[in-house]
Amino acid sequence: MNLQEKTIRSEKIFDGRIITVQVDEVELPNGKTSTRELVKHPGAVAVIAVTDEEKLVLVEQFRKPLEKEIVEIPAGKLEKGEDPAVCAKRELEEETGYGCKSLELLTSFYTSPGFADEIVHLYIAKGLHKIEDAAGLDEDEFVNLMEVSLEEAQELVKNQRIFDAKTMYAVQYMQLVQALEK
């Protein structure tokens, strides 16, 4: 069976600084029609930053949709046409004050494909070094910097302080790396 949905009509209902929301009328594979509410996002990067002491560099920040602080790996939105690796280095510097000697793309994944097209490019950064006069946070961004062991990160997951998919993915990735090294 062909599973494709044909767009009949599309209406943009919100055009914001970060996202666009549109409502599409689609023809389903069985010939009937339905409505799809879509969030369009420019994409993002996330960075598993690992110190020479094997600590994960994390940021704690308030997330308004959740109405609480959570602990995350450094991450940020891609600018239009921006190379994801360039964005990853920029976000690492802005959020943590670190630069890196090596940056490797691990994978890319969609965050919520049922309603959004946001893709996150996940990198691992090693050979970290503090940058003098590092680029700072955006004026509306406030974070607490943390450096934790893998075991401490696992506790943060258990205590639901790490509570987002990209950071949980990062912790699981590091667990796998550690297991394979044994």
N, C-alpha and C. Protein backbone atom coordinates (compact mmCIF):
# COMPACT_ATOMS: atom_id res chain seq x y z
N MET A 1 0.84 -1.19 0.00
CA MET A 1 0.00 0.00 0.00
C MET A 1 0.89 1.25 0.00
N ASN A 2 0.56 2.18 -0.85
CA ASN A 2 1.24 3.48 -0.86
C ASN A 2 0.75 4.28 0.34
N LEU A 3 1.65 4.71 1.20
CA LEU A 3 1.28 5.42 2.43
C LEU A 3 1.36 6.94 2.30
N GLN A 4 1.71 7.44 1.14
CA GLN A 4 1.88 8.88 0.94
C GLN A 4 0.57 9.64 1.13
N GLU A 5 0.68 10.83 1.70
CA GLU A 5 -0.46 11.74 1.81
C GLU A 5 -0.21 12.92 0.88
N LYS A 6 -1.19 13.23 0.06
CA LYS A 6 -1.06 14.33 -0.90
C LYS A 6 -1.63 15.60 -0.26
N THR A 7 -0.84 16.68 -0.26
CA THR A 7 -1.31 17.95 0.27
C THR A 7 -2.26 18.59 -0.72
N ILE A 8 -3.45 18.90 -0.22
CA ILE A 8 -4.47 19.55 -1.04
C ILE A 8 -4.39 21.07 -0.85
N ARG A 9 -4.23 21.46 0.42
CA ARG A 9 -4.19 22.88 0.76
C ARG A 9 -3.33 23.04 2.00
N SER A 10 -2.60 24.15 2.07
CA SER A 10 -1.75 24.44 3.22
C SER A 10 -1.95 25.89 3.63
N GLU A 11 -2.14 26.11 4.93
CA GLU A 11 -2.33 27.47 5.43
C GLU A 11 -1.39 27.72 6.61
N LYS A 12 -0.53 28.73 6.47
CA LYS A 12 0.35 29.13 7.57
C LYS A 12 -0.50 29.92 8.57
N ILE A 13 -0.49 29.47 9.84
CA ILE A 13 -1.30 30.16 10.84
C ILE A 13 -0.47 30.90 11.88
N PHE A 14 0.85 30.65 11.89
CA PHE A 14 1.73 31.36 12.81
C PHE A 14 3.13 31.34 12.23
N ASP A 15 3.79 32.50 12.24
CA ASP A 15 5.16 32.60 11.76
C ASP A 15 5.98 33.31 12.83
N GLY A 16 6.65 32.53 13.66
CA GLY A 16 7.38 33.08 14.80
C GLY A 16 8.87 33.17 14.55
N ARG A 17 9.59 33.53 15.61
CA ARG A 17 11.04 33.68 15.55
C ARG A 17 11.73 32.32 15.40
N ILE A 18 11.14 31.27 15.99
CA ILE A 18 11.75 29.95 15.96
C ILE A 18 10.96 28.96 15.10
N ILE A 19 9.66 28.98 15.21
CA ILE A 19 8.83 28.00 14.50
C ILE A 19 7.78 28.68 13.63
N THR A 20 7.29 27.89 12.68
CA THR A 20 6.13 28.25 11.88
C THR A 20 5.12 27.13 12.09
N VAL A 21 3.85 27.49 12.20
CA VAL A 21 2.79 26.49 12.34
C VAL A 21 1.88 26.60 11.12
N GLN A 22 1.59 25.45 10.55
CA GLN A 22 0.69 25.44 9.40
C GLN A 22 -0.32 24.31 9.56
N VAL A 23 -1.45 24.47 8.90
CA VAL A 23 -2.48 23.44 8.87
C VAL A 23 -2.63 23.00 7.42
N ASP A 24 -2.45 21.72 7.19
CA ASP A 24 -2.56 21.16 5.84
C ASP A 24 -3.80 20.28 5.76
N GLU A 25 -4.50 20.39 4.65
CA GLU A 25 -5.55 19.43 4.32
C GLU A 25 -4.89 18.43 3.38
N VAL A 26 -5.03 17.14 3.69
CA VAL A 26 -4.36 16.10 2.91
C VAL A 26 -5.35 15.06 2.42
N GLU A 27 -4.98 14.45 1.30
CA GLU A 27 -5.71 13.28 0.80
C GLU A 27 -4.97 12.05 1.30
N LEU A 28 -5.69 11.18 1.98
CA LEU A 28 -5.12 9.96 2.57
C LEU A 28 -4.98 8.87 1.51
N PRO A 29 -4.21 7.83 1.79
CA PRO A 29 -4.06 6.73 0.84
C PRO A 29 -5.38 6.07 0.41
N ASN A 30 -6.41 6.15 1.27
CA ASN A 30 -7.70 5.54 0.93
C ASN A 30 -8.62 6.50 0.18
N GLY A 31 -8.13 7.72 -0.15
CA GLY A 31 -8.91 8.69 -0.90
C GLY A 31 -9.68 9.67 -0.05
N LYS A 32 -9.79 9.43 1.25
CA LYS A 32 -10.48 10.37 2.14
C LYS A 32 -9.54 11.52 2.46
N THR A 33 -10.07 12.56 3.10
CA THR A 33 -9.24 13.71 3.47
C THR A 33 -9.14 13.83 4.99
N SER A 34 -8.10 14.52 5.41
CA SER A 34 -7.88 14.77 6.83
C SER A 34 -7.09 16.07 6.98
N THR A 35 -6.95 16.51 8.21
CA THR A 35 -6.21 17.73 8.52
C THR A 35 -4.96 17.37 9.31
N ARG A 36 -3.86 18.04 8.99
CA ARG A 36 -2.59 17.86 9.71
C ARG A 36 -2.12 19.20 10.22
N GLU A 37 -1.82 19.28 11.52
CA GLU A 37 -1.24 20.48 12.13
C GLU A 37 0.25 20.25 12.21
N LEU A 38 1.03 21.12 11.56
CA LEU A 38 2.47 20.91 11.43
C LEU A 38 3.27 22.05 12.03
N VAL A 39 4.33 21.70 12.73
CA VAL A 39 5.30 22.68 13.24
C VAL A 39 6.54 22.57 12.37
N LYS A 40 6.91 23.67 11.75
CA LYS A 40 8.11 23.73 10.93
C LYS A 40 9.23 24.37 11.75
N HIS A 41 10.39 23.73 11.78
CA HIS A 41 11.52 24.16 12.61
C HIS A 41 12.78 24.11 11.76
N PRO A 42 13.72 25.04 11.94
CA PRO A 42 14.91 25.07 11.09
C PRO A 42 15.93 23.97 11.39
N GLY A 43 15.73 23.21 12.45
CA GLY A 43 16.69 22.18 12.84
C GLY A 43 17.58 22.69 13.96
N ALA A 44 18.29 21.76 14.58
CA ALA A 44 19.11 22.10 15.73
C ALA A 44 20.32 21.17 15.81
N VAL A 45 21.20 21.52 16.70
CA VAL A 45 22.35 20.68 17.02
C VAL A 45 22.36 20.43 18.52
N ALA A 46 23.02 19.36 18.91
CA ALA A 46 23.26 19.06 20.33
C ALA A 46 24.66 18.47 20.43
N VAL A 47 25.32 18.74 21.55
CA VAL A 47 26.73 18.36 21.68
C VAL A 47 26.95 17.58 22.97
N ILE A 48 27.47 16.36 22.82
CA ILE A 48 27.97 15.62 23.98
C ILE A 48 29.40 16.09 24.17
N ALA A 49 29.62 16.94 25.15
CA ALA A 49 30.95 17.50 25.40
C ALA A 49 31.59 16.72 26.54
N VAL A 50 32.76 16.11 26.25
CA VAL A 50 33.42 15.24 27.20
C VAL A 50 34.79 15.83 27.54
N THR A 51 35.03 16.09 28.84
CA THR A 51 36.31 16.64 29.27
C THR A 51 37.38 15.55 29.25
N ASP A 52 38.63 15.96 29.40
CA ASP A 52 39.74 15.00 29.46
C ASP A 52 39.60 14.06 30.66
N GLU A 53 38.86 14.51 31.68
CA GLU A 53 38.61 13.69 32.88
C GLU A 53 37.36 12.81 32.71
N GLU A 54 36.85 12.73 31.48
CA GLU A 54 35.66 11.93 31.16
C GLU A 54 34.38 12.43 31.84
N LYS A 55 34.32 13.72 32.09
CA LYS A 55 33.10 14.33 32.63
C LYS A 55 32.27 14.86 31.46
N LEU A 56 30.95 14.81 31.62
CA LEU A 56 30.03 15.39 30.65
C LEU A 56 29.76 16.83 31.04
N VAL A 57 29.84 17.71 30.08
CA VAL A 57 29.54 19.12 30.32
C VAL A 57 28.06 19.33 30.01
N LEU A 58 27.32 19.75 31.03
CA LEU A 58 25.87 19.92 30.91
C LEU A 58 25.48 21.33 31.30
N VAL A 59 24.28 21.73 30.90
CA VAL A 59 23.74 23.02 31.31
C VAL A 59 22.37 22.79 31.95
N GLU A 60 22.15 23.52 33.02
CA GLU A 60 20.83 23.51 33.66
C GLU A 60 20.14 24.80 33.26
N GLN A 61 18.90 24.68 32.79
CA GLN A 61 18.18 25.88 32.42
C GLN A 61 16.68 25.70 32.62
N PHE A 62 16.01 26.83 32.79
CA PHE A 62 14.56 26.83 32.95
C PHE A 62 13.93 26.65 31.58
N ARG A 63 12.96 25.74 31.50
CA ARG A 63 12.25 25.50 30.25
C ARG A 63 10.79 25.88 30.46
N LYS A 64 10.38 26.96 29.85
CA LYS A 64 9.04 27.50 30.04
C LYS A 64 7.93 26.50 29.72
N PRO A 65 8.02 25.72 28.63
CA PRO A 65 6.92 24.78 28.38
C PRO A 65 6.72 23.78 29.52
N LEU A 66 7.80 23.48 30.25
CA LEU A 66 7.74 22.52 31.36
C LEU A 66 7.53 23.19 32.71
N GLU A 67 7.75 24.50 32.76
CA GLU A 67 7.67 25.29 33.99
C GLU A 67 8.62 24.76 35.07
N LYS A 68 9.83 24.34 34.63
CA LYS A 68 10.84 23.88 35.58
C LYS A 68 12.22 23.89 34.93
N GLU A 69 13.24 23.75 35.77
CA GLU A 69 14.60 23.62 35.27
C GLU A 69 14.87 22.16 34.96
N ILE A 70 15.61 21.94 33.88
CA ILE A 70 16.11 20.61 33.58
C ILE A 70 17.57 20.73 33.18
N VAL A 71 18.26 19.60 33.21
CA VAL A 71 19.68 19.53 32.87
C VAL A 71 19.80 18.91 31.48
N GLU A 72 20.58 19.56 30.61
CA GLU A 72 20.67 19.14 29.22
C GLU A 72 22.10 19.22 28.71
N ILE A 73 22.34 18.54 27.58
CA ILE A 73 23.59 18.76 26.88
C ILE A 73 23.45 20.09 26.13
N PRO A 74 24.56 20.77 25.86
CA PRO A 74 24.49 22.02 25.11
C PRO A 74 23.83 21.79 23.75
N ALA A 75 22.97 22.71 23.35
CA ALA A 75 22.23 22.56 22.11
C ALA A 75 21.73 23.91 21.64
N GLY A 76 21.34 23.98 20.38
CA GLY A 76 20.79 25.22 19.88
C GLY A 76 20.29 25.09 18.46
N LYS A 77 19.57 26.10 18.05
CA LYS A 77 18.90 26.16 16.75
C LYS A 77 19.87 26.53 15.64
N LEU A 78 19.69 25.88 14.51
CA LEU A 78 20.46 26.23 13.32
C LEU A 78 19.95 27.55 12.75
N GLU A 79 20.87 28.39 12.30
CA GLU A 79 20.49 29.58 11.55
C GLU A 79 20.28 29.15 10.10
N LYS A 80 19.52 29.93 9.34
CA LYS A 80 19.22 29.58 7.96
C LYS A 80 20.52 29.38 7.17
N GLY A 81 20.65 28.19 6.57
CA GLY A 81 21.81 27.88 5.75
C GLY A 81 23.07 27.53 6.51
N GLU A 82 23.01 27.50 7.84
CA GLU A 82 24.20 27.26 8.65
C GLU A 82 24.59 25.79 8.63
N ASP A 83 25.89 25.54 8.52
CA ASP A 83 26.42 24.19 8.60
C ASP A 83 26.25 23.68 10.03
N PRO A 84 25.70 22.49 10.23
CA PRO A 84 25.48 21.99 11.59
C PRO A 84 26.76 21.92 12.44
N ALA A 85 27.89 21.57 11.85
CA ALA A 85 29.14 21.50 12.63
C ALA A 85 29.55 22.89 13.13
N VAL A 86 29.36 23.90 12.31
CA VAL A 86 29.66 25.28 12.72
C VAL A 86 28.74 25.68 13.87
N CYS A 87 27.47 25.33 13.73
CA CYS A 87 26.50 25.63 14.78
C CYS A 87 26.86 24.91 16.08
N ALA A 88 27.28 23.65 15.98
CA ALA A 88 27.64 22.88 17.18
C ALA A 88 28.79 23.54 17.92
N LYS A 89 29.81 23.98 17.20
CA LYS A 89 30.96 24.66 17.84
C LYS A 89 30.50 25.98 18.48
N ARG A 90 29.64 26.71 17.78
CA ARG A 90 29.15 27.98 18.31
C ARG A 90 28.34 27.76 19.60
N GLU A 91 27.42 26.81 19.57
CA GLU A 91 26.59 26.55 20.74
C GLU A 91 27.42 26.06 21.91
N LEU A 92 28.41 25.21 21.65
CA LEU A 92 29.30 24.73 22.71
C LEU A 92 30.01 25.92 23.37
N GLU A 93 30.53 26.82 22.56
CA GLU A 93 31.22 27.99 23.10
C GLU A 93 30.27 28.92 23.85
N GLU A 94 29.13 29.23 23.24
CA GLU A 94 28.19 30.16 23.87
C GLU A 94 27.65 29.64 25.21
N GLU A 95 27.29 28.36 25.25
CA GLU A 95 26.64 27.83 26.44
C GLU A 95 27.61 27.37 27.51
N THR A 96 28.84 27.01 27.13
CA THR A 96 29.77 26.45 28.13
C THR A 96 31.09 27.19 28.25
N GLY A 97 31.44 27.99 27.25
CA GLY A 97 32.75 28.65 27.26
C GLY A 97 33.86 27.74 26.77
N TYR A 98 33.52 26.56 26.27
CA TYR A 98 34.51 25.61 25.78
C TYR A 98 34.60 25.62 24.26
N GLY A 99 35.82 25.35 23.78
CA GLY A 99 36.06 24.98 22.41
C GLY A 99 36.48 23.52 22.42
N CYS A 100 36.69 22.94 21.24
CA CYS A 100 37.07 21.53 21.20
C CYS A 100 38.09 21.27 20.10
N LYS A 101 38.92 20.25 20.31
CA LYS A 101 39.89 19.85 19.29
C LYS A 101 39.24 18.95 18.26
N SER A 102 38.29 18.12 18.71
CA SER A 102 37.61 17.23 17.75
C SER A 102 36.10 17.31 17.93
N LEU A 103 35.42 17.26 16.81
CA LEU A 103 33.96 17.29 16.79
C LEU A 103 33.51 16.27 15.76
N GLU A 104 32.73 15.28 16.20
CA GLU A 104 32.30 14.20 15.31
C GLU A 104 30.78 14.09 15.33
N LEU A 105 30.19 14.03 14.13
CA LEU A 105 28.76 13.80 14.02
C LEU A 105 28.46 12.35 14.35
N LEU A 106 27.58 12.13 15.35
CA LEU A 106 27.20 10.76 15.72
C LEU A 106 25.98 10.30 14.95
N THR A 107 24.96 11.14 14.89
CA THR A 107 23.72 10.79 14.22
C THR A 107 22.84 12.02 14.11
N SER A 108 21.77 11.89 13.39
CA SER A 108 20.74 12.93 13.32
C SER A 108 19.41 12.22 13.54
N PHE A 109 18.47 12.92 14.18
CA PHE A 109 17.17 12.30 14.44
C PHE A 109 16.08 13.35 14.51
N TYR A 110 14.86 12.92 14.18
CA TYR A 110 13.69 13.79 14.29
C TYR A 110 13.15 13.70 15.71
N THR A 111 12.77 14.85 16.27
CA THR A 111 12.34 14.88 17.67
C THR A 111 10.89 14.45 17.86
N SER A 112 10.00 14.86 16.99
CA SER A 112 8.57 14.57 17.13
C SER A 112 7.92 14.49 15.75
N PRO A 113 8.20 13.44 14.99
CA PRO A 113 7.76 13.40 13.60
C PRO A 113 6.25 13.32 13.39
N GLY A 114 5.49 13.14 14.45
CA GLY A 114 4.05 13.13 14.31
C GLY A 114 3.46 14.50 14.01
N PHE A 115 4.20 15.56 14.38
CA PHE A 115 3.68 16.90 14.14
C PHE A 115 4.74 17.94 13.81
N ALA A 116 6.03 17.58 13.91
CA ALA A 116 7.09 18.57 13.68
C ALA A 116 8.17 17.99 12.77
N ASP A 117 8.84 18.88 12.03
CA ASP A 117 9.93 18.44 11.16
C ASP A 117 11.31 18.74 11.75
N GLU A 118 11.37 19.10 13.04
CA GLU A 118 12.66 19.42 13.67
C GLU A 118 13.59 18.21 13.62
N ILE A 119 14.79 18.44 13.13
CA ILE A 119 15.84 17.42 13.12
C ILE A 119 16.97 17.94 14.00
N VAL A 120 17.54 17.04 14.81
CA VAL A 120 18.66 17.39 15.67
C VAL A 120 19.88 16.60 15.20
N HIS A 121 20.98 17.32 14.99
CA HIS A 121 22.25 16.71 14.62
C HIS A 121 23.07 16.60 15.90
N LEU A 122 23.39 15.36 16.29
CA LEU A 122 24.07 15.10 17.55
C LEU A 122 25.56 14.87 17.32
N TYR A 123 26.37 15.67 18.00
CA TYR A 123 27.83 15.61 17.88
C TYR A 123 28.44 15.20 19.21
N ILE A 124 29.67 14.68 19.14
CA ILE A 124 30.48 14.47 20.33
C ILE A 124 31.72 15.34 20.18
N ALA A 125 32.03 16.08 21.24
CA ALA A 125 33.18 16.99 21.25
C ALA A 125 34.17 16.52 22.30
N LYS A 126 35.43 16.43 21.90
CA LYS A 126 36.50 16.02 22.82
C LYS A 126 37.66 17.00 22.67
N GLY A 127 38.62 16.87 23.59
CA GLY A 127 39.74 17.80 23.58
C GLY A 127 39.27 19.19 23.94
N LEU A 128 38.43 19.26 24.98
CA LEU A 128 37.85 20.55 25.35
C LEU A 128 38.90 21.47 25.95
N HIS A 129 38.74 22.76 25.69
CA HIS A 129 39.60 23.79 26.28
C HIS A 129 38.77 25.05 26.48
N LYS A 130 39.02 25.72 27.60
CA LYS A 130 38.31 26.98 27.87
C LYS A 130 38.77 28.04 26.88
N ILE A 131 37.82 28.82 26.42
CA ILE A 131 38.11 29.89 25.47
C ILE A 131 38.08 31.22 26.23
N GLU A 132 39.20 31.96 26.13
CA GLU A 132 39.21 33.30 26.71
C GLU A 132 38.29 34.18 25.89
N ASP A 133 37.53 35.03 26.54
CA ASP A 133 36.57 35.91 25.86
C ASP A 133 35.62 35.12 24.95
N ALA A 134 35.12 34.02 25.48
CA ALA A 134 34.19 33.19 24.72
C ALA A 134 32.92 33.97 24.40
N ALA A 135 32.32 33.62 23.28
CA ALA A 135 31.02 34.21 22.95
C ALA A 135 30.04 33.84 24.06
N GLY A 136 29.25 34.79 24.48
CA GLY A 136 28.33 34.56 25.59
C GLY A 136 26.99 34.04 25.14
N LEU A 137 26.14 33.83 26.11
CA LEU A 137 24.78 33.36 25.87
C LEU A 137 23.97 34.44 25.17
N ASP A 138 22.88 34.02 24.54
CA ASP A 138 21.93 34.99 24.00
C ASP A 138 21.38 35.79 25.16
N GLU A 139 20.90 37.00 24.90
CA GLU A 139 20.46 37.89 26.00
C GLU A 139 19.27 37.35 26.77
N ASP A 140 18.52 36.42 26.19
CA ASP A 140 17.37 35.84 26.89
C ASP A 140 17.64 34.42 27.37
N GLU A 141 18.92 34.06 27.48
CA GLU A 141 19.32 32.70 27.84
C GLU A 141 20.15 32.74 29.12
N PHE A 142 19.79 31.88 30.08
CA PHE A 142 20.48 31.80 31.36
C PHE A 142 20.69 30.34 31.70
N VAL A 143 21.95 29.96 32.02
CA VAL A 143 22.24 28.57 32.33
C VAL A 143 23.20 28.47 33.50
N ASN A 144 23.14 27.33 34.18
CA ASN A 144 24.14 26.94 35.16
C ASN A 144 24.96 25.83 34.53
N LEU A 145 26.26 25.98 34.53
CA LEU A 145 27.16 25.00 33.93
C LEU A 145 27.44 23.89 34.93
N MET A 146 27.45 22.65 34.45
CA MET A 146 27.73 21.49 35.30
C MET A 146 28.70 20.57 34.57
N GLU A 147 29.58 19.94 35.32
CA GLU A 147 30.43 18.87 34.78
C GLU A 147 30.21 17.67 35.68
N VAL A 148 29.73 16.57 35.09
CA VAL A 148 29.35 15.41 35.88
C VAL A 148 29.94 14.13 35.28
N SER A 149 30.14 13.15 36.15
CA SER A 149 30.56 11.83 35.68
C SER A 149 29.37 11.14 35.03
N LEU A 150 29.64 10.05 34.33
CA LEU A 150 28.55 9.29 33.72
C LEU A 150 27.61 8.76 34.80
N GLU A 151 28.16 8.32 35.92
CA GLU A 151 27.32 7.82 37.01
C GLU A 151 26.43 8.93 37.57
N GLU A 152 26.97 10.13 37.70
CA GLU A 152 26.16 11.27 38.17
C GLU A 152 25.07 11.61 37.15
N ALA A 153 25.40 11.52 35.86
CA ALA A 153 24.40 11.78 34.82
C ALA A 153 23.28 10.74 34.89
N GLN A 154 23.63 9.49 35.15
CA GLN A 154 22.62 8.44 35.29
C GLN A 154 21.69 8.74 36.46
N GLU A 155 22.23 9.27 37.54
CA GLU A 155 21.41 9.67 38.70
C GLU A 155 20.48 10.82 38.32
N LEU A 156 20.99 11.76 37.53
CA LEU A 156 20.15 12.87 37.08
C LEU A 156 18.98 12.37 36.23
N VAL A 157 19.21 11.33 35.45
CA VAL A 157 18.13 10.72 34.67
C VAL A 157 17.12 10.09 35.61
N LYS A 158 17.62 9.30 36.59
CA LYS A 158 16.72 8.63 37.54
C LYS A 158 15.88 9.64 38.31
N ASN A 159 16.47 10.78 38.66
CA ASN A 159 15.78 11.82 39.43
C ASN A 159 14.97 12.77 38.55
N GLN A 160 14.92 12.49 37.27
CA GLN A 160 14.20 13.29 36.28
C GLN A 160 14.66 14.74 36.23
N ARG A 161 15.93 14.96 36.50
CA ARG A 161 16.51 16.29 36.26
C ARG A 161 17.01 16.34 34.82
N ILE A 162 17.51 15.21 34.31
CA ILE A 162 17.70 15.04 32.87
C ILE A 162 16.42 14.40 32.41
N PHE A 163 15.68 15.13 31.55
CA PHE A 163 14.32 14.69 31.25
C PHE A 163 13.96 14.92 29.79
N ASP A 164 14.96 15.18 28.96
CA ASP A 164 14.69 15.39 27.53
C ASP A 164 15.38 14.30 26.72
N ALA A 165 14.82 14.02 25.57
CA ALA A 165 15.26 12.88 24.75
C ALA A 165 16.72 13.01 24.30
N LYS A 166 17.15 14.19 23.87
CA LYS A 166 18.50 14.32 23.34
C LYS A 166 19.55 14.05 24.41
N THR A 167 19.28 14.50 25.65
CA THR A 167 20.25 14.31 26.72
C THR A 167 20.21 12.87 27.22
N MET A 168 19.02 12.28 27.29
CA MET A 168 18.93 10.86 27.65
C MET A 168 19.67 10.01 26.61
N TYR A 169 19.51 10.36 25.35
CA TYR A 169 20.22 9.67 24.26
C TYR A 169 21.72 9.78 24.50
N ALA A 170 22.18 10.97 24.85
CA ALA A 170 23.61 11.20 25.09
C ALA A 170 24.11 10.32 26.23
N VAL A 171 23.36 10.25 27.32
CA VAL A 171 23.78 9.43 28.47
C VAL A 171 23.82 7.96 28.06
N GLN A 172 22.82 7.51 27.34
CA GLN A 172 22.81 6.11 26.89
C GLN A 172 23.96 5.83 25.92
N TYR A 173 24.26 6.78 25.07
CA TYR A 173 25.39 6.62 24.15
C TYR A 173 26.68 6.44 24.95
N MET A 174 26.88 7.28 25.96
CA MET A 174 28.11 7.19 26.76
C MET A 174 28.15 5.88 27.55
N GLN A 175 27.00 5.40 28.01
CA GLN A 175 26.95 4.10 28.68
C GLN A 175 27.40 3.00 27.73
N LEU A 176 26.93 3.05 26.49
CA LEU A 176 27.30 2.05 25.49
C LEU A 176 28.79 2.10 25.21
N VAL A 177 29.33 3.30 25.05
CA VAL A 177 30.77 3.45 24.80
C VAL A 177 31.56 2.85 25.94
N GLN A 178 31.13 3.14 27.17
CA GLN A 178 31.83 2.62 28.35
C GLN A 178 31.75 1.08 28.38
N ALA A 179 30.58 0.53 28.08
CA ALA A 179 30.42 -0.93 28.09
C ALA A 179 31.29 -1.59 27.03
N LEU A 180 31.39 -0.98 25.85
CA LEU A 180 32.19 -1.56 24.79
C LEU A 180 33.69 -1.48 25.07
N GLU A 181 34.08 -0.52 25.90
CA GLU A 181 35.51 -0.37 26.24
C GLU A 181 35.96 -1.40 27.26
N LYS A 182 35.02 -2.03 27.95
CA LYS A 182 35.36 -3.02 28.98
C LYS A 182 35.73 -4.35 28.38
